Amino acid sequence: MTALIQERMSLIERWTHHLFTLASGNKAYKGGLACMDLSTSKVEPGHVESDLVWIGKFDETVDASLADKEVNVDLGTEIEVVWWANDTVSPVLSTNLLSTCYILDDQTVSADGTSRSVAGRVWAVDAVKGVAVQKLGPQASVISSLDGLELLSTALAAFSSNDIALASNPNANAVYDVPTTAAA
């Protein structure tokens, strides 16, 4: 697309529940952990695999043993997405769900991040509507892969008289147990 030359109508959606594609060979049970498989961009029940991201819980029981099927997922919190035009040179693909997309111009997002600012997190790609993008807050971290995340050690942080020394590279939004005394 090209930059705007006139006003543009915005298509904004707020999701607390949303239909996702349940990967073939799976059965989702209502109330079960719903995960996005980053390698396929389809949802699966939680299981041991290194590229799953938990997105919510299943709202219904769906059997996709033989073929992909749609399943409703309760996202737990409201997600606001804005539909933007998709770049024709480096388009955002359906395999980019939950990854980052980048600003091309004032109405277009791109998969190419070279010298571009982050637009937000991709939640859907549609041939007609474009790309559903969740705006990220100023301190939000972007997940493009689970590789490189620092695991928390089981050792407690050093504590001395109301001061605590954390690792030099703590994980964002991490919760730490802080040992205290009755006097503190």
Foldseek 3Di string as FASTA:
>chain_A
DDADPDDDDKDKDKDQKDKFKEAAQAKAAAFFFWWQQLQARGIHGDDDDFRTDTQAHWHHIDHRPPHIDITMGRRRDIFMWIFAAADPVAGDDSSQAQAWWFDPYPGYIGNDPVVTHTQAGFHDADPPRGTTGTGDDPPDDGPNGPPPDDDDDPDAFDDDDPDTDDDPDDDPPDDGDDDDDPVD
